[in-house]
C-alpha atoms as a PDB file:
ATOM      1  CA  UNK A   1       0.036  -0.134  -0.087  1.00  0.00           C
ATOM      2  CA  UNK A   2       1.314   3.569  -0.218  1.00  0.00           C
ATOM      3  CA  UNK A   3       0.498   6.742   1.288  1.00  0.00           C
ATOM      4  CA  UNK A   4      -2.143   8.144  -0.277  1.00  0.00           C
ATOM      5  CA  UNK A   5      -3.846   5.253   0.654  1.00  0.00           C
ATOM      6  CA  UNK A   6      -3.519   5.910   4.563  1.00  0.00           C
ATOM      7  CA  UNK A   7      -4.300   8.896   6.789  1.00  0.00           C
ATOM      8  CA  UNK A   8      -2.742   9.911   9.889  1.00  0.00           C
ATOM      9  CA  UNK A   9      -3.762   9.179  12.880  1.00  0.00           C
ATOM     10  CA  UNK A  10      -2.275  10.217  16.550  1.00  0.00           C
ATOM     11  CA  UNK A  11      -2.149   8.088  19.493  1.00  0.00           C
ATOM     12  CA  UNK A  12      -3.441  11.188  22.151  1.00  0.00           C
ATOM     13  CA  UNK A  13      -1.543   9.130  25.394  1.00  0.00           C
ATOM     14  CA  UNK A  14       2.154   8.644  23.506  1.00  0.00           C
ATOM     15  CA  UNK A  15       1.056  11.620  20.652  1.00  0.00           C
ATOM     16  CA  UNK A  16       2.328   8.954  17.725  1.00  0.00           C
ATOM     17  CA  UNK A  17       1.491   9.573  14.737  1.00  0.00           C
ATOM     18  CA  UNK A  18       0.369   6.164  13.035  1.00  0.00           C
ATOM     19  CA  UNK A  19      -0.368   5.389   9.336  1.00  0.00           C
ATOM     20  CA  UNK A  20      -4.812   4.521   9.102  1.00  0.00           C
ATOM     21  CA  UNK A  21      -6.053   2.433   6.696  1.00  0.00           C
ATOM     22  CA  UNK A  22      -7.868   4.968   4.320  1.00  0.00           C
ATOM     23  CA  UNK A  23     -10.855   2.790   4.233  1.00  0.00           C
ATOM     24  CA  UNK A  24     -10.957   2.058   8.400  1.00  0.00           C
ATOM     25  CA  UNK A  25     -10.360   5.960   8.503  1.00  0.00           C
ATOM     26  CA  UNK A  26     -13.115   7.156   6.379  1.00  0.00           C
ATOM     27  CA  UNK A  27     -15.874   5.191   8.515  1.00  0.00           C
ATOM     28  CA  UNK A  28     -16.366   5.433  12.500  1.00  0.00           C
ATOM     29  CA  UNK A  29     -14.084   5.080  15.143  1.00  0.00           C
ATOM     30  CA  UNK A  30     -12.666   2.660  16.565  1.00  0.00           C
ATOM     31  CA  UNK A  31      -9.724   3.493  14.489  1.00  0.00           C
ATOM     32  CA  UNK A  32      -6.622   1.021  14.325  1.00  0.00           C
ATOM     33  CA  UNK A  33      -3.082   2.191  12.927  1.00  0.00           C
ATOM     34  CA  UNK A  34      -1.520  -0.420  10.588  1.00  0.00           C
ATOM     35  CA  UNK A  35       1.121  -1.289  13.897  1.00  0.00           C
ATOM     36  CA  UNK A  36      -2.231  -2.140  15.846  1.00  0.00           C
ATOM     37  CA  UNK A  37      -2.493   0.602  17.833  1.00  0.00           C
ATOM     38  CA  UNK A  38      -5.781   2.036  18.317  1.00  0.00           C
ATOM     39  CA  UNK A  39      -6.009   5.541  17.819  1.00  0.00           C
ATOM     40  CA  UNK A  40      -8.160   8.403  19.018  1.00  0.00           C
ATOM     41  CA  UNK A  41      -8.414  11.239  15.989  1.00  0.00           C
ATOM     42  CA  UNK A  42      -7.855  10.705  12.135  1.00  0.00           C
ATOM     43  CA  UNK A  43      -6.885  13.660  10.818  1.00  0.00           C
ATOM     44  CA  UNK A  44      -5.041  14.822   7.594  1.00  0.00           C
ATOM     45  CA  UNK A  45      -3.066  12.269   5.122  1.00  0.00           C
ATOM     46  CA  UNK A  46      -0.129   9.977   6.323  1.00  0.00           C
ATOM     47  CA  UNK A  47       1.908  11.326   3.696  1.00  0.00           C
ATOM     48  CA  UNK A  48       1.712  14.583   4.949  1.00  0.00           C
ATOM     49  CA  UNK A  49       2.659  16.867   8.228  1.00  0.00           C
ATOM     50  CA  UNK A  50       0.572  15.017  10.682  1.00  0.00           C
ATOM     51  CA  UNK A  51       1.826  12.038   9.669  1.00  0.00           C
ATOM     52  CA  UNK A  52       5.821  11.076   7.860  1.00  0.00           C
ATOM     53  CA  UNK A  53       5.963  14.999   8.455  1.00  0.00           C
ATOM     54  CA  UNK A  54       5.232  15.053  12.259  1.00  0.00           C
ATOM     55  CA  UNK A  55       8.067  15.832  14.500  1.00  0.00           C
ATOM     56  CA  UNK A  56       6.779  11.821  16.485  1.00  0.00           C
ATOM     57  CA  UNK A  57       6.057   9.172  13.431  1.00  0.00           C
ATOM     58  CA  UNK A  58       5.833   5.527  14.256  1.00  0.00           C
ATOM     59  CA  UNK A  59       8.051   3.567  12.914  1.00  0.00           C
ATOM     60  CA  UNK A  60       6.320   0.714  12.223  1.00  0.00           C
ATOM     61  CA  UNK A  61       3.908   2.470  10.766  1.00  0.00           C
ATOM     62  CA  UNK A  62       6.487   4.027   8.671  1.00  0.00           C
ATOM     63  CA  UNK A  63       7.783   0.734   7.874  1.00  0.00           C
ATOM     64  CA  UNK A  64       4.475  -0.725   6.822  1.00  0.00           C
ATOM     65  CA  UNK A  65       3.319   2.410   5.176  1.00  0.00           C
ATOM     66  CA  UNK A  66       6.396   4.376   3.317  1.00  0.00           C
ATOM     67  CA  UNK A  67       5.824   7.224   1.280  1.00  0.00           C
END
């Protein structure tokens, strides 16, 4: 999958940005990132500033959903 197929999600506890499959992000919560972490907020594109461009992207998500 490419990053355009993922939205950016955020784990409220750690602050890490996670990749959430677009088809899941377009639906209602709960949302789960590709690494298996539940996320509370889904906002923006994984390839954008809230995903891979953020200060702290999840390494596992970056490995599974590269730009």
